[in-house]
Amino acid sequence: MADQKCTGDHSQHMCMLAAAKQMEMIRFLTNEPQFICLDCGRVANTEDNLCKPAHVDAIGIDER
């Protein structure tokens, strides 16, 4: 997935939402994160909101 290009609606990706200071939307989209962006490290509930998503289980994140 690391060589994947950003697809979909980039305006709804975490990086763009953060730049637009859409904190309430970010809070809603990250309340149960399952994916992490391999580009910027942001997390989201679904891969639709990240440029280069990877499931957290695929990269060995330890859930504590």
N, C-alpha and C. Protein backbone atom coordinates (compact mmCIF):
# COMPACT_ATOMS: atom_id res chain seq x y z
N MET A 1 0.80 -1.20 0.00
CA MET A 1 0.00 0.00 0.00
C MET A 1 0.84 1.27 0.00
N ALA A 2 2.09 1.18 0.36
CA ALA A 2 2.91 2.37 0.48
C ALA A 2 3.09 3.10 -0.85
N ASP A 3 2.98 2.38 -1.99
CA ASP A 3 3.15 3.04 -3.27
C ASP A 3 1.82 3.48 -3.88
N GLN A 4 0.74 3.32 -3.15
CA GLN A 4 -0.58 3.70 -3.61
C GLN A 4 -0.69 5.21 -3.73
N LYS A 5 -1.35 5.67 -4.77
CA LYS A 5 -1.56 7.11 -4.95
C LYS A 5 -2.85 7.53 -4.25
N CYS A 6 -2.91 8.76 -3.83
CA CYS A 6 -4.10 9.29 -3.17
C CYS A 6 -5.26 9.27 -4.17
N THR A 7 -6.34 8.64 -3.78
CA THR A 7 -7.52 8.58 -4.64
C THR A 7 -8.74 9.01 -3.85
N GLY A 8 -9.85 9.11 -4.54
CA GLY A 8 -11.10 9.50 -3.87
C GLY A 8 -11.20 10.99 -3.67
N ASP A 9 -12.06 11.37 -2.76
CA ASP A 9 -12.33 12.78 -2.48
C ASP A 9 -11.31 13.30 -1.48
N HIS A 10 -10.23 13.87 -1.98
CA HIS A 10 -9.14 14.34 -1.12
C HIS A 10 -9.62 15.38 -0.11
N SER A 11 -10.68 16.11 -0.43
CA SER A 11 -11.19 17.12 0.50
C SER A 11 -11.72 16.50 1.78
N GLN A 12 -11.97 15.19 1.78
CA GLN A 12 -12.47 14.50 2.97
C GLN A 12 -11.39 13.68 3.67
N HIS A 13 -10.15 13.85 3.24
CA HIS A 13 -9.04 13.16 3.90
C HIS A 13 -8.62 13.96 5.12
N MET A 14 -8.08 13.25 6.12
CA MET A 14 -7.72 13.87 7.39
C MET A 14 -6.78 15.07 7.21
N CYS A 15 -5.83 14.97 6.29
CA CYS A 15 -4.89 16.07 6.09
C CYS A 15 -5.60 17.35 5.66
N MET A 16 -6.56 17.21 4.77
CA MET A 16 -7.30 18.39 4.30
C MET A 16 -8.27 18.91 5.35
N LEU A 17 -8.91 18.00 6.07
CA LEU A 17 -9.82 18.42 7.15
C LEU A 17 -9.06 19.15 8.24
N ALA A 18 -7.85 18.69 8.56
CA ALA A 18 -7.03 19.37 9.56
C ALA A 18 -6.61 20.75 9.07
N ALA A 19 -6.24 20.85 7.81
CA ALA A 19 -5.84 22.15 7.25
C ALA A 19 -7.00 23.13 7.27
N ALA A 20 -8.22 22.61 7.11
CA ALA A 20 -9.41 23.46 7.12
C ALA A 20 -9.96 23.64 8.54
N LYS A 21 -9.26 23.09 9.53
CA LYS A 21 -9.64 23.20 10.94
C LYS A 21 -11.06 22.67 11.20
N GLN A 22 -11.38 21.56 10.55
CA GLN A 22 -12.69 20.91 10.71
C GLN A 22 -12.62 19.91 11.88
N MET A 23 -12.38 20.41 13.08
CA MET A 23 -12.12 19.56 14.24
C MET A 23 -13.31 18.68 14.63
N GLU A 24 -14.51 19.16 14.53
CA GLU A 24 -15.68 18.34 14.86
C GLU A 24 -15.82 17.17 13.89
N MET A 25 -15.58 17.40 12.62
CA MET A 25 -15.64 16.33 11.62
C MET A 25 -14.51 15.33 11.88
N ILE A 26 -13.33 15.81 12.19
CA ILE A 26 -12.20 14.93 12.50
C ILE A 26 -12.52 14.07 13.71
N ARG A 27 -13.09 14.66 14.73
CA ARG A 27 -13.45 13.90 15.93
C ARG A 27 -14.43 12.78 15.59
N PHE A 28 -15.41 13.07 14.76
CA PHE A 28 -16.39 12.08 14.33
C PHE A 28 -15.75 10.96 13.51
N LEU A 29 -14.82 11.31 12.64
CA LEU A 29 -14.21 10.33 11.73
C LEU A 29 -13.05 9.55 12.34
N THR A 30 -12.70 9.88 13.59
CA THR A 30 -11.57 9.20 14.24
C THR A 30 -11.93 8.61 15.60
N ASN A 31 -13.22 8.46 15.88
CA ASN A 31 -13.61 7.98 17.20
C ASN A 31 -13.31 6.50 17.43
N GLU A 32 -13.17 5.72 16.37
CA GLU A 32 -12.78 4.30 16.46
C GLU A 32 -11.82 3.98 15.32
N PRO A 33 -10.61 4.53 15.37
CA PRO A 33 -9.68 4.40 14.24
C PRO A 33 -9.25 2.96 13.98
N GLN A 34 -9.30 2.59 12.73
CA GLN A 34 -8.87 1.27 12.28
C GLN A 34 -7.79 1.36 11.21
N PHE A 35 -7.57 2.56 10.68
CA PHE A 35 -6.62 2.77 9.59
C PHE A 35 -5.67 3.90 9.93
N ILE A 36 -4.47 3.81 9.40
CA ILE A 36 -3.46 4.85 9.58
C ILE A 36 -2.92 5.23 8.20
N CYS A 37 -2.62 6.49 8.02
CA CYS A 37 -2.07 6.97 6.75
C CYS A 37 -0.56 6.72 6.75
N LEU A 38 -0.08 6.01 5.76
CA LEU A 38 1.35 5.75 5.65
C LEU A 38 2.13 6.97 5.18
N ASP A 39 1.42 8.02 4.81
CA ASP A 39 2.05 9.27 4.37
C ASP A 39 2.27 10.22 5.54
N CYS A 40 1.21 10.49 6.31
CA CYS A 40 1.30 11.51 7.36
C CYS A 40 1.13 10.98 8.78
N GLY A 41 0.67 9.72 8.93
CA GLY A 41 0.52 9.14 10.25
C GLY A 41 -0.81 9.42 10.93
N ARG A 42 -1.68 10.16 10.26
CA ARG A 42 -3.00 10.39 10.83
C ARG A 42 -3.80 9.10 10.81
N VAL A 43 -4.81 9.01 11.70
CA VAL A 43 -5.66 7.82 11.76
C VAL A 43 -7.09 8.18 11.42
N ALA A 44 -7.88 7.16 11.05
CA ALA A 44 -9.29 7.35 10.73
C ALA A 44 -10.03 6.03 10.91
N ASN A 45 -11.34 6.13 11.03
CA ASN A 45 -12.18 4.95 11.16
C ASN A 45 -12.18 4.12 9.88
N THR A 46 -12.16 4.79 8.74
CA THR A 46 -12.20 4.09 7.45
C THR A 46 -11.04 4.55 6.57
N GLU A 47 -10.71 3.73 5.60
CA GLU A 47 -9.63 4.09 4.68
C GLU A 47 -10.01 5.21 3.73
N ASP A 48 -11.30 5.50 3.62
CA ASP A 48 -11.77 6.56 2.72
C ASP A 48 -11.28 7.94 3.11
N ASN A 49 -10.86 8.11 4.36
CA ASN A 49 -10.45 9.43 4.83
C ASN A 49 -8.95 9.60 4.95
N LEU A 50 -8.19 8.74 4.25
CA LEU A 50 -6.73 8.82 4.28
C LEU A 50 -6.16 8.70 2.88
N CYS A 51 -5.02 9.33 2.65
CA CYS A 51 -4.37 9.29 1.34
C CYS A 51 -3.75 7.93 1.04
N LYS A 52 -3.00 7.38 2.01
CA LYS A 52 -2.32 6.09 1.84
C LYS A 52 -2.65 5.20 3.03
N PRO A 53 -3.87 4.67 3.07
CA PRO A 53 -4.31 3.93 4.26
C PRO A 53 -3.72 2.53 4.38
N ALA A 54 -3.54 2.12 5.63
CA ALA A 54 -3.17 0.74 5.96
C ALA A 54 -3.95 0.39 7.22
N HIS A 55 -4.46 -0.82 7.28
CA HIS A 55 -5.17 -1.25 8.47
C HIS A 55 -4.15 -1.36 9.60
N VAL A 56 -4.54 -0.94 10.81
CA VAL A 56 -3.60 -0.93 11.93
C VAL A 56 -3.05 -2.32 12.21
N ASP A 57 -3.83 -3.37 11.98
CA ASP A 57 -3.34 -4.74 12.20
C ASP A 57 -2.23 -5.10 11.23
N ALA A 58 -2.23 -4.50 10.06
CA ALA A 58 -1.24 -4.81 9.03
C ALA A 58 0.13 -4.21 9.33
N ILE A 59 0.19 -3.22 10.20
CA ILE A 59 1.48 -2.59 10.49
C ILE A 59 1.95 -2.84 11.91
N GLY A 60 1.22 -3.67 12.65
CA GLY A 60 1.69 -4.10 13.97
C GLY A 60 1.54 -3.08 15.07
N ILE A 61 0.50 -2.27 15.06
CA ILE A 61 0.26 -1.34 16.16
C ILE A 61 -0.29 -2.13 17.34
N ASP A 62 0.29 -1.92 18.51
CA ASP A 62 -0.15 -2.59 19.72
C ASP A 62 -1.28 -1.79 20.35
N GLU A 63 -2.49 -2.35 20.34
CA GLU A 63 -3.64 -1.69 20.96
C GLU A 63 -3.58 -1.95 22.46
N ARG A 64 -3.49 -0.91 23.23
CA ARG A 64 -3.42 -1.04 24.70
C ARG A 64 -4.64 -0.49 25.33
